[in-house]
């Protein structure tokens, strides 16, 4: 009969052996990237399959292999549900040797998956979700927020519109964290500039009918109807606002989070004159045009800022792994932070301690149809806003991991 001491020793030896085997398997496994996206719903146009293609472009540009093995990629649809995002992230990190997860289509899915990133101490890069809470009160030491956020967009678009006389606002708000963050951050900017918020209406995510919310906006008499939503919700709001005669009646629309794919869907006749902010536009310079052309050859569409950012973040991550000589999270993140981001997405990026990738944002006006010279020639550049002016200072974010 085996004694308790002998049994304990045997159990310890087996667990040690299994742990060593697991570590050995991880060290010899191919580097693997997981894309957790929206492939079927309201945000599929701004990220979705386009983010998969952007990741592939980055892997190909890097050379396709790491540590002598081909880099692997997996993808899944989060269905814009926090519990599903958390479940997939856990499975990927715990059982499928995924080293880094990228995309995260909504703020709720991002925050849920970030908890798994913290639990397993694995890297996550958010390129689609926008809430400034991701690098604020809900920040993580293992998450980078790459593309834009509600604070940065509010600072650029909101401030510009108030300066031109749009000093009373009514919000049509997507009724979850992302929409609430836009309304909060833009409202702060409007009030700080001397404007006022006269009301808001909360609309369910992916609703088809905005009529009741537009009627409330119309009756508010606000100069600006702020669209605190994104993707297909923004497109549908603008289309239905035209049917209600919102702009014809003297009010103006503010698309606080908009993408070139939205303008493409709306058409210049309907979108002309909109003031929007983006982190990337394919026709800014030779570097952005070169990437836009490569991306267009694969997809027959120009990239959104999220798709360009997904390419950028993937490439920066791969270069950091190579420079660190390991896939281990802490040395890779250290390399990501100490290395400036210089690529087709931005030429002045830096990854901060709170996870915010700080870079220039751009203020654009959508062209009139007669001003556009070619397909996807949609924007006139109004201003470049440096990252340290666009994004919230680290000291003000409330991130507990900032020293």
Protein backbone atom coordinates (compact mmCIF):
# COMPACT_ATOMS: atom_id res chain seq x y z
CA UNK A 1 0.00 0.00 0.00
CA UNK A 2 1.44 3.42 -1.03
CA UNK A 3 1.96 5.88 1.82
CA UNK A 4 0.46 9.38 1.73
CA UNK A 5 3.98 10.84 1.45
CA UNK A 6 4.90 8.60 -1.47
CA UNK A 7 1.58 9.33 -3.20
CA UNK A 8 2.11 13.07 -2.78
CA UNK A 9 5.62 12.82 -4.16
CA UNK A 10 4.37 10.84 -7.16
CA UNK A 11 1.57 13.32 -7.79
CA UNK A 12 4.03 16.22 -7.63
CA UNK A 13 6.40 14.49 -10.05
CA UNK A 14 3.60 13.81 -12.53
CA UNK A 15 2.29 17.38 -12.35
CA UNK A 16 5.84 18.70 -12.79
CA UNK A 17 6.33 16.43 -15.79
CA UNK A 18 3.00 17.52 -17.32
CA UNK A 19 3.81 21.18 -16.71
CA UNK A 20 7.22 20.80 -18.28
CA UNK A 21 5.66 19.03 -21.27
CA UNK A 22 3.10 21.81 -21.66
CA UNK A 23 5.83 24.45 -21.58
CA UNK A 24 7.88 22.49 -24.10
CA UNK A 25 4.85 22.19 -26.37
CA UNK A 26 4.25 25.94 -26.14
CA UNK A 27 7.88 26.78 -26.87
CA UNK A 28 7.95 24.60 -29.99
CA UNK A 29 4.43 25.45 -31.23
CA UNK A 30 4.02 27.83 -34.17
CA UNK A 31 3.31 31.45 -33.30
CA UNK A 32 -0.47 31.84 -33.55
CA UNK A 33 -2.65 34.94 -33.95
CA UNK A 34 -6.40 34.92 -33.29
CA UNK A 35 -8.80 37.37 -34.99
CA UNK A 36 -11.97 37.84 -32.94
CA UNK A 37 -14.25 39.86 -35.20
CA UNK A 38 -17.75 40.69 -36.39
CA UNK A 39 -18.24 38.76 -39.64
CA UNK A 40 -22.00 38.97 -39.91
CA UNK A 41 -23.48 42.04 -38.27
CA UNK A 42 -23.36 45.80 -37.85
CA UNK A 43 -19.54 46.15 -37.75
CA UNK A 44 -18.54 43.58 -40.38
CA UNK A 45 -17.95 46.25 -43.02
CA UNK A 46 -15.44 48.25 -40.97
CA UNK A 47 -13.49 45.22 -39.73
CA UNK A 48 -14.65 41.67 -40.36
CA UNK A 49 -13.09 39.77 -43.24
CA UNK A 50 -11.17 42.93 -44.10
CA UNK A 51 -9.25 42.59 -40.85
CA UNK A 52 -8.41 38.99 -41.76
CA UNK A 53 -6.94 40.17 -45.07
CA UNK A 54 -5.04 42.96 -43.30
CA UNK A 55 -3.53 40.43 -40.88
CA UNK A 56 -2.53 38.18 -43.76
CA UNK A 57 -0.84 41.13 -45.49
CA UNK A 58 1.19 41.86 -42.35
CA UNK A 59 2.22 38.21 -41.92
CA UNK A 60 3.26 38.01 -45.57
CA UNK A 61 5.21 41.27 -45.36
CA UNK A 62 6.99 40.00 -42.25
CA UNK A 63 8.06 36.86 -44.08
CA UNK A 64 5.45 34.34 -43.00
CA UNK A 65 7.41 32.49 -40.33
CA UNK A 66 8.71 32.86 -36.78
CA UNK A 67 11.17 30.63 -34.92
CA UNK A 68 11.52 28.50 -38.05
CA UNK A 69 7.80 27.69 -38.36
CA UNK A 70 4.97 29.25 -40.40
CA UNK A 71 2.92 31.80 -38.46
CA UNK A 72 -0.62 30.52 -37.95
CA UNK A 73 -3.89 32.45 -37.85
CA UNK A 74 -7.36 31.54 -36.59
CA UNK A 75 -10.55 33.59 -36.65
CA UNK A 76 -14.01 33.52 -35.08
CA UNK A 77 -17.18 35.61 -34.96
CA UNK A 78 -17.82 37.09 -31.52
CA UNK A 79 -21.45 37.77 -32.57
CA UNK A 80 -21.03 41.08 -30.69
CA UNK A 81 -21.74 39.25 -27.42
CA UNK A 82 -19.47 39.65 -24.41
CA UNK A 83 -19.93 36.11 -23.09
CA UNK A 84 -19.11 34.55 -26.46
CA UNK A 85 -16.01 36.76 -26.83
CA UNK A 86 -14.80 35.74 -23.36
CA UNK A 87 -15.43 32.06 -24.06
CA UNK A 88 -13.54 32.08 -27.36
CA UNK A 89 -10.64 34.07 -25.88
CA UNK A 90 -10.36 31.63 -23.00
CA UNK A 91 -10.38 28.61 -25.33
CA UNK A 92 -7.79 30.14 -27.61
CA UNK A 93 -5.43 31.19 -24.83
CA UNK A 94 -5.86 28.09 -22.65
CA UNK A 95 -6.19 25.23 -25.12
CA UNK A 96 -5.13 26.35 -28.59
CA UNK A 97 -1.78 28.06 -27.98
CA UNK A 98 -2.95 31.41 -29.38
CA UNK A 99 -0.28 33.97 -28.51
CA UNK A 100 -2.11 37.19 -29.42
CA UNK A 101 -5.75 38.11 -30.12
CA UNK A 102 -6.59 41.09 -32.30
CA UNK A 103 -9.67 43.07 -33.50
CA UNK A 104 -12.52 42.87 -30.89
CA UNK A 105 -15.51 44.45 -32.63
CA UNK A 106 -17.35 46.14 -29.74
CA UNK A 107 -16.35 47.68 -26.45
CA UNK A 108 -18.34 45.08 -24.50
CA UNK A 109 -16.63 42.16 -26.28
CA UNK A 110 -13.26 43.84 -25.85
CA UNK A 111 -13.64 44.32 -22.10
CA UNK A 112 -14.87 40.74 -21.62
CA UNK A 113 -12.01 39.26 -23.64
CA UNK A 114 -9.52 41.52 -21.85
CA UNK A 115 -10.36 39.71 -18.62
CA UNK A 116 -9.16 36.48 -20.25
CA UNK A 117 -6.05 38.28 -21.48
CA UNK A 118 -5.30 39.28 -17.89
CA UNK A 119 -6.06 35.82 -16.52
CA UNK A 120 -3.69 34.08 -18.93
CA UNK A 121 -1.23 36.99 -19.19
CA UNK A 122 -1.46 36.99 -22.98
CA UNK A 123 -1.39 39.92 -25.38
CA UNK A 124 -4.56 41.44 -26.85
CA UNK A 125 -4.67 44.28 -29.40
CA UNK A 126 -7.98 46.11 -29.82
CA UNK A 127 -8.32 47.61 -33.30
CA UNK A 128 -12.12 47.93 -33.68
CA UNK A 129 -13.73 48.70 -30.30
CA UNK A 130 -13.66 52.37 -29.33
CA UNK A 131 -14.52 53.05 -25.68
CA UNK A 132 -11.88 55.18 -23.97
CA UNK A 133 -12.47 53.01 -20.87
CA UNK A 134 -10.25 50.36 -22.53
CA UNK A 135 -7.20 52.42 -21.54
CA UNK A 136 -8.93 54.18 -18.65
CA UNK A 137 -10.70 52.69 -15.66
CA UNK A 138 -10.93 49.23 -17.33
CA UNK A 139 -7.33 49.10 -18.63
CA UNK A 140 -5.17 45.98 -18.69
CA UNK A 141 -1.37 45.59 -18.59
CA UNK A 142 -1.63 43.15 -21.53
CA UNK A 143 -3.91 45.12 -23.88
CA UNK A 144 -3.01 47.66 -26.55
CA UNK A 145 -5.67 49.98 -28.01
CA UNK A 146 -4.49 50.78 -31.52
CA UNK A 147 -6.83 52.68 -33.81
CA UNK A 148 -8.96 55.39 -32.19
CA UNK A 149 -11.18 55.91 -29.16
CA UNK A 150 -14.23 57.87 -28.13
CA UNK A 151 -12.15 60.50 -26.32
CA UNK A 152 -9.92 61.13 -29.35
CA UNK A 153 -12.83 61.35 -31.78
CA UNK A 154 -14.72 63.68 -29.48
CA UNK A 155 -11.69 65.95 -29.15
CA UNK A 156 -11.26 66.27 -32.92
CA UNK A 157 -14.80 66.26 -34.36
CA UNK A 158 -16.70 67.62 -31.36
CA UNK A 159 -14.36 70.54 -30.79
CA UNK A 160 -14.27 71.43 -34.50
CA UNK A 161 -18.06 71.50 -34.79
CA UNK A 162 -18.58 73.63 -31.68
CA UNK A 163 -15.99 76.11 -32.97
CA UNK A 164 -18.07 76.58 -36.13
CA UNK A 165 -21.25 77.36 -34.20
CA UNK A 166 -22.68 73.92 -33.44
CA UNK A 167 -23.15 74.63 -29.76
CA UNK A 168 -26.38 72.72 -28.94
CA UNK A 169 -26.46 68.94 -29.29
CA UNK A 170 -28.92 66.05 -29.16
CA UNK A 171 -27.44 62.52 -29.22
CA UNK A 172 -28.81 59.36 -30.84
CA UNK A 173 -26.85 56.81 -28.86
CA UNK A 174 -26.18 53.10 -29.32
CA UNK A 175 -27.39 51.66 -26.03
CA UNK A 176 -24.24 49.94 -24.80
CA UNK A 177 -20.79 50.96 -23.55
CA UNK A 178 -19.48 52.22 -26.91
CA UNK A 179 -22.42 54.59 -27.50
CA UNK A 180 -22.47 55.71 -23.87
CA UNK A 181 -18.73 56.49 -24.09
CA UNK A 182 -19.19 58.58 -27.25
CA UNK A 183 -22.03 60.56 -25.66
CA UNK A 184 -20.06 61.07 -22.44
CA UNK A 185 -16.76 62.07 -24.07
CA UNK A 186 -18.31 64.28 -26.76
CA UNK A 187 -20.65 65.86 -24.23
CA UNK A 188 -17.66 66.79 -22.07
CA UNK A 189 -15.97 68.44 -25.07
CA UNK A 190 -19.12 70.35 -26.06
CA UNK A 191 -19.70 71.65 -22.53
CA UNK A 192 -16.04 72.59 -22.08
CA UNK A 193 -16.26 74.64 -25.30
CA UNK A 194 -19.31 76.51 -24.01
CA UNK A 195 -22.01 74.42 -25.71
CA UNK A 196 -24.90 72.50 -24.18
CA UNK A 197 -26.48 69.04 -24.42
CA UNK A 198 -30.25 69.33 -24.79
CA UNK A 199 -31.06 65.61 -24.73
CA UNK A 200 -30.41 62.11 -26.01
CA UNK A 201 -32.21 58.97 -27.13
CA UNK A 202 -30.91 55.43 -26.59
CA UNK A 203 -31.26 53.08 -29.59
CA UNK A 204 -30.70 49.30 -29.47
CA UNK A 205 -27.61 47.98 -31.29
CA UNK A 206 -28.40 46.94 -34.88
CA UNK A 207 -31.93 48.33 -34.89
CA UNK A 208 -33.56 48.88 -38.29
CA UNK A 209 -35.87 51.75 -37.36
CA UNK A 210 -34.55 55.09 -36.07
CA UNK A 211 -37.77 57.05 -36.65
CA UNK A 212 -38.74 57.59 -33.01
CA UNK A 213 -35.20 58.70 -32.10
CA UNK A 214 -35.04 61.08 -35.06
CA UNK A 215 -38.39 62.60 -34.12
CA UNK A 216 -37.04 63.30 -30.64
CA UNK A 217 -33.93 64.89 -32.17
CA UNK A 218 -36.09 67.00 -34.48
CA UNK A 219 -38.32 68.25 -31.68
CA UNK A 220 -35.28 69.11 -29.52
CA UNK A 221 -34.35 71.94 -31.94
CA UNK A 222 -30.68 71.19 -31.27
CA UNK A 223 -28.33 72.57 -33.93
CA UNK A 224 -26.38 69.29 -34.01
CA UNK A 225 -27.68 65.73 -33.96
CA UNK A 226 -24.72 63.73 -32.67
CA UNK A 227 -24.57 60.14 -33.92
CA UNK A 228 -23.18 58.19 -30.97
CA UNK A 229 -23.19 54.93 -32.88
CA UNK A 230 -21.16 53.23 -35.61
CA UNK A 231 -21.11 51.04 -38.70
CA UNK A 232 -24.47 50.09 -40.20
CA UNK A 233 -26.29 51.90 -37.37
CA UNK A 234 -24.70 55.20 -38.42
CA UNK A 235 -25.48 54.56 -42.10
CA UNK A 236 -29.13 53.80 -41.32
CA UNK A 237 -29.47 56.84 -39.07
CA UNK A 238 -28.15 59.16 -41.79
CA UNK A 239 -30.36 57.62 -44.49
CA UNK A 240 -33.47 57.89 -42.34
CA UNK A 241 -32.52 61.41 -41.22
CA UNK A 242 -32.64 62.41 -44.90
CA UNK A 243 -36.17 60.97 -45.17
CA UNK A 244 -37.23 63.02 -42.13
CA UNK A 245 -35.70 66.20 -43.58
CA UNK A 246 -33.42 66.72 -40.58
CA UNK A 247 -30.72 68.62 -42.49
CA UNK A 248 -33.23 70.31 -44.79
CA UNK A 249 -34.95 71.60 -41.64
CA UNK A 250 -31.80 73.37 -40.45
CA UNK A 251 -30.19 70.79 -38.14
CA UNK A 252 -26.81 69.21 -38.92
CA UNK A 253 -25.57 65.67 -38.33
CA UNK A 254 -22.29 64.91 -36.59
CA UNK A 255 -20.87 61.48 -37.39
CA UNK A 256 -18.52 61.13 -34.43
CA UNK A 257 -17.25 57.64 -35.32
CA UNK A 258 -17.37 57.15 -39.08
CA UNK A 259 -15.37 55.20 -41.63
CA UNK A 260 -14.64 55.42 -45.34
CA UNK A 261 -16.80 52.32 -45.84
CA UNK A 262 -19.75 54.30 -44.41
CA UNK A 263 -19.18 57.08 -46.95
CA UNK A 264 -18.94 54.46 -49.72
CA UNK A 265 -22.27 52.95 -48.65
CA UNK A 266 -24.02 56.31 -48.33
CA UNK A 267 -22.63 57.85 -51.52
CA UNK A 268 -21.22 61.36 -51.77
CA UNK A 269 -24.59 62.91 -52.59
CA UNK A 270 -25.91 61.99 -49.15
CA UNK A 271 -22.62 62.20 -47.20
CA UNK A 272 -21.21 65.43 -48.67
CA UNK A 273 -20.21 68.06 -46.14
CA UNK A 274 -19.97 65.70 -43.16
CA UNK A 275 -17.08 66.55 -40.84
CA UNK A 276 -15.47 63.36 -39.58
CA UNK A 277 -12.26 62.14 -37.98
CA UNK A 278 -10.16 59.15 -39.00
CA UNK A 279 -6.79 57.77 -38.00
CA UNK A 280 -5.97 56.74 -41.59
CA UNK A 281 -7.00 57.64 -45.13
CA UNK A 282 -5.61 55.81 -48.13
CA UNK A 283 -4.90 59.03 -50.09
CA UNK A 284 -2.92 60.95 -47.45
CA UNK A 285 0.59 60.30 -48.80
CA UNK A 286 2.72 57.89 -50.85
CA UNK A 287 2.96 55.42 -47.96
CA UNK A 288 -0.80 55.25 -47.34
CA UNK A 289 -1.48 55.05 -51.08
CA UNK A 290 0.92 52.13 -51.50
CA UNK A 291 -0.81 50.14 -48.75
CA UNK A 292 -4.25 51.12 -50.04
CA UNK A 293 -3.33 49.79 -53.48
CA UNK A 294 -2.06 46.47 -52.07
CA UNK A 295 -5.17 46.08 -49.97
CA UNK A 296 -7.47 47.01 -52.87
CA UNK A 297 -5.85 44.37 -55.08
CA UNK A 298 -6.95 41.72 -52.57
CA UNK A 299 -10.37 43.00 -51.56
CA UNK A 300 -11.53 45.43 -54.30
CA UNK A 301 -12.13 47.98 -51.54
CA UNK A 302 -9.97 50.59 -49.87
CA UNK A 303 -9.15 49.81 -46.22
CA UNK A 304 -10.97 51.41 -43.32
CA UNK A 305 -8.82 52.85 -40.57
CA UNK A 306 -9.54 49.71 -38.51
CA UNK A 307 -8.28 47.46 -41.29
CA UNK A 308 -5.13 49.54 -41.78
CA UNK A 309 -4.62 49.53 -38.00
CA UNK A 310 -5.00 45.74 -37.84
CA UNK A 311 -2.23 45.42 -40.43
CA UNK A 312 -0.10 47.87 -38.43
CA UNK A 313 -0.65 46.23 -35.05
CA UNK A 314 0.02 42.73 -36.40
CA UNK A 315 3.27 43.82 -38.06
CA UNK A 316 4.42 45.73 -34.97
CA UNK A 317 3.69 42.70 -32.78
CA UNK A 318 5.60 40.33 -35.08
CA UNK A 319 8.60 42.64 -35.21
CA UNK A 320 8.55 42.87 -31.40
CA UNK A 321 8.49 39.07 -31.04
CA UNK A 322 11.45 38.82 -33.40
CA UNK A 323 13.37 41.56 -31.57
CA UNK A 324 12.64 39.99 -28.17
CA UNK A 325 13.62 36.52 -29.40
CA UNK A 326 10.68 35.03 -27.51
CA UNK A 327 6.88 34.87 -27.54
CA UNK A 328 6.74 35.55 -23.80
CA UNK A 329 4.33 38.38 -23.06
CA UNK A 330 6.39 40.80 -20.95
CA UNK A 331 9.51 41.07 -23.12
CA UNK A 332 7.36 41.31 -26.27
CA UNK A 333 5.26 44.13 -24.77
CA UNK A 334 8.45 45.88 -23.65
CA UNK A 335 9.71 45.81 -27.25
CA UNK A 336 6.34 47.02 -28.54
CA UNK A 337 6.49 50.00 -26.17
CA UNK A 338 10.10 50.96 -26.77
CA UNK A 339 9.85 50.74 -30.57
CA UNK A 340 8.12 53.63 -32.41
CA UNK A 341 5.28 52.66 -34.77
CA UNK A 342 6.32 53.65 -38.30
CA UNK A 343 4.29 52.01 -41.06
CA UNK A 344 1.47 52.53 -43.55
CA UNK A 345 -0.97 53.36 -40.75
CA UNK A 346 1.06 56.02 -38.95
CA UNK A 347 4.54 57.49 -38.99
CA UNK A 348 4.44 58.87 -35.45
CA UNK A 349 2.96 56.17 -33.22
CA UNK A 350 4.05 55.24 -29.70
CA UNK A 351 2.52 52.60 -27.40
CA UNK A 352 1.96 54.09 -23.97
CA UNK A 353 2.03 52.39 -20.59
CA UNK A 354 -1.78 52.52 -20.30
CA UNK A 355 -2.12 50.61 -23.59
CA UNK A 356 -3.09 53.60 -25.77
CA UNK A 357 -1.20 53.67 -29.07
CA UNK A 358 -0.85 57.42 -29.46
CA UNK A 359 -0.70 58.79 -33.02
CA UNK A 360 -2.05 61.63 -35.15
CA UNK A 361 -5.76 61.84 -35.91
CA UNK A 362 -7.09 63.63 -38.99
CA UNK A 363 -10.10 65.88 -39.46
CA UNK A 364 -11.78 65.53 -42.86
CA UNK A 365 -14.69 67.01 -44.77
CA UNK A 366 -16.52 64.66 -47.13
CA UNK A 367 -16.27 65.92 -50.72
CA UNK A 368 -19.15 66.95 -52.93
CA UNK A 369 -19.78 64.54 -55.82
CA UNK A 370 -18.31 67.00 -58.34
CA UNK A 371 -15.10 67.32 -56.27
CA UNK A 372 -14.33 63.59 -56.36
CA UNK A 373 -11.95 62.65 -59.17
CA UNK A 374 -11.96 58.86 -58.81
CA UNK A 375 -13.56 55.98 -56.87
CA UNK A 376 -12.82 56.23 -53.13
CA UNK A 377 -11.67 59.86 -53.52
CA UNK A 378 -13.92 61.02 -50.70
CA UNK A 379 -12.10 63.32 -48.26
CA UNK A 380 -10.66 66.82 -48.03
CA UNK A 381 -8.08 67.12 -45.24
CA UNK A 382 -8.93 69.90 -42.81
CA UNK A 383 -6.38 69.31 -40.05
CA UNK A 384 -3.89 66.86 -38.57
CA UNK A 385 -4.25 66.65 -34.80
CA UNK A 386 -1.11 65.39 -33.00
CA UNK A 387 -1.63 62.35 -30.80
CA UNK A 388 -0.76 64.18 -27.58
CA UNK A 389 -3.62 66.60 -28.32
CA UNK A 390 -6.12 64.06 -29.63
CA UNK A 391 -5.88 61.35 -26.97
CA UNK A 392 -6.53 61.64 -23.23
CA UNK A 393 -3.40 62.24 -21.13
CA UNK A 394 -2.38 59.13 -19.18
CA UNK A 395 -2.64 60.97 -15.88
CA UNK A 396 -6.34 61.64 -16.49
CA UNK A 397 -7.41 58.14 -17.53
CA UNK A 398 -7.59 56.38 -14.18
CA UNK A 399 -5.63 53.32 -15.37
CA UNK A 400 -4.46 51.52 -12.23
CA UNK A 401 -1.36 50.12 -13.96
CA UNK A 402 0.14 53.51 -14.79
CA UNK A 403 2.92 54.33 -12.34
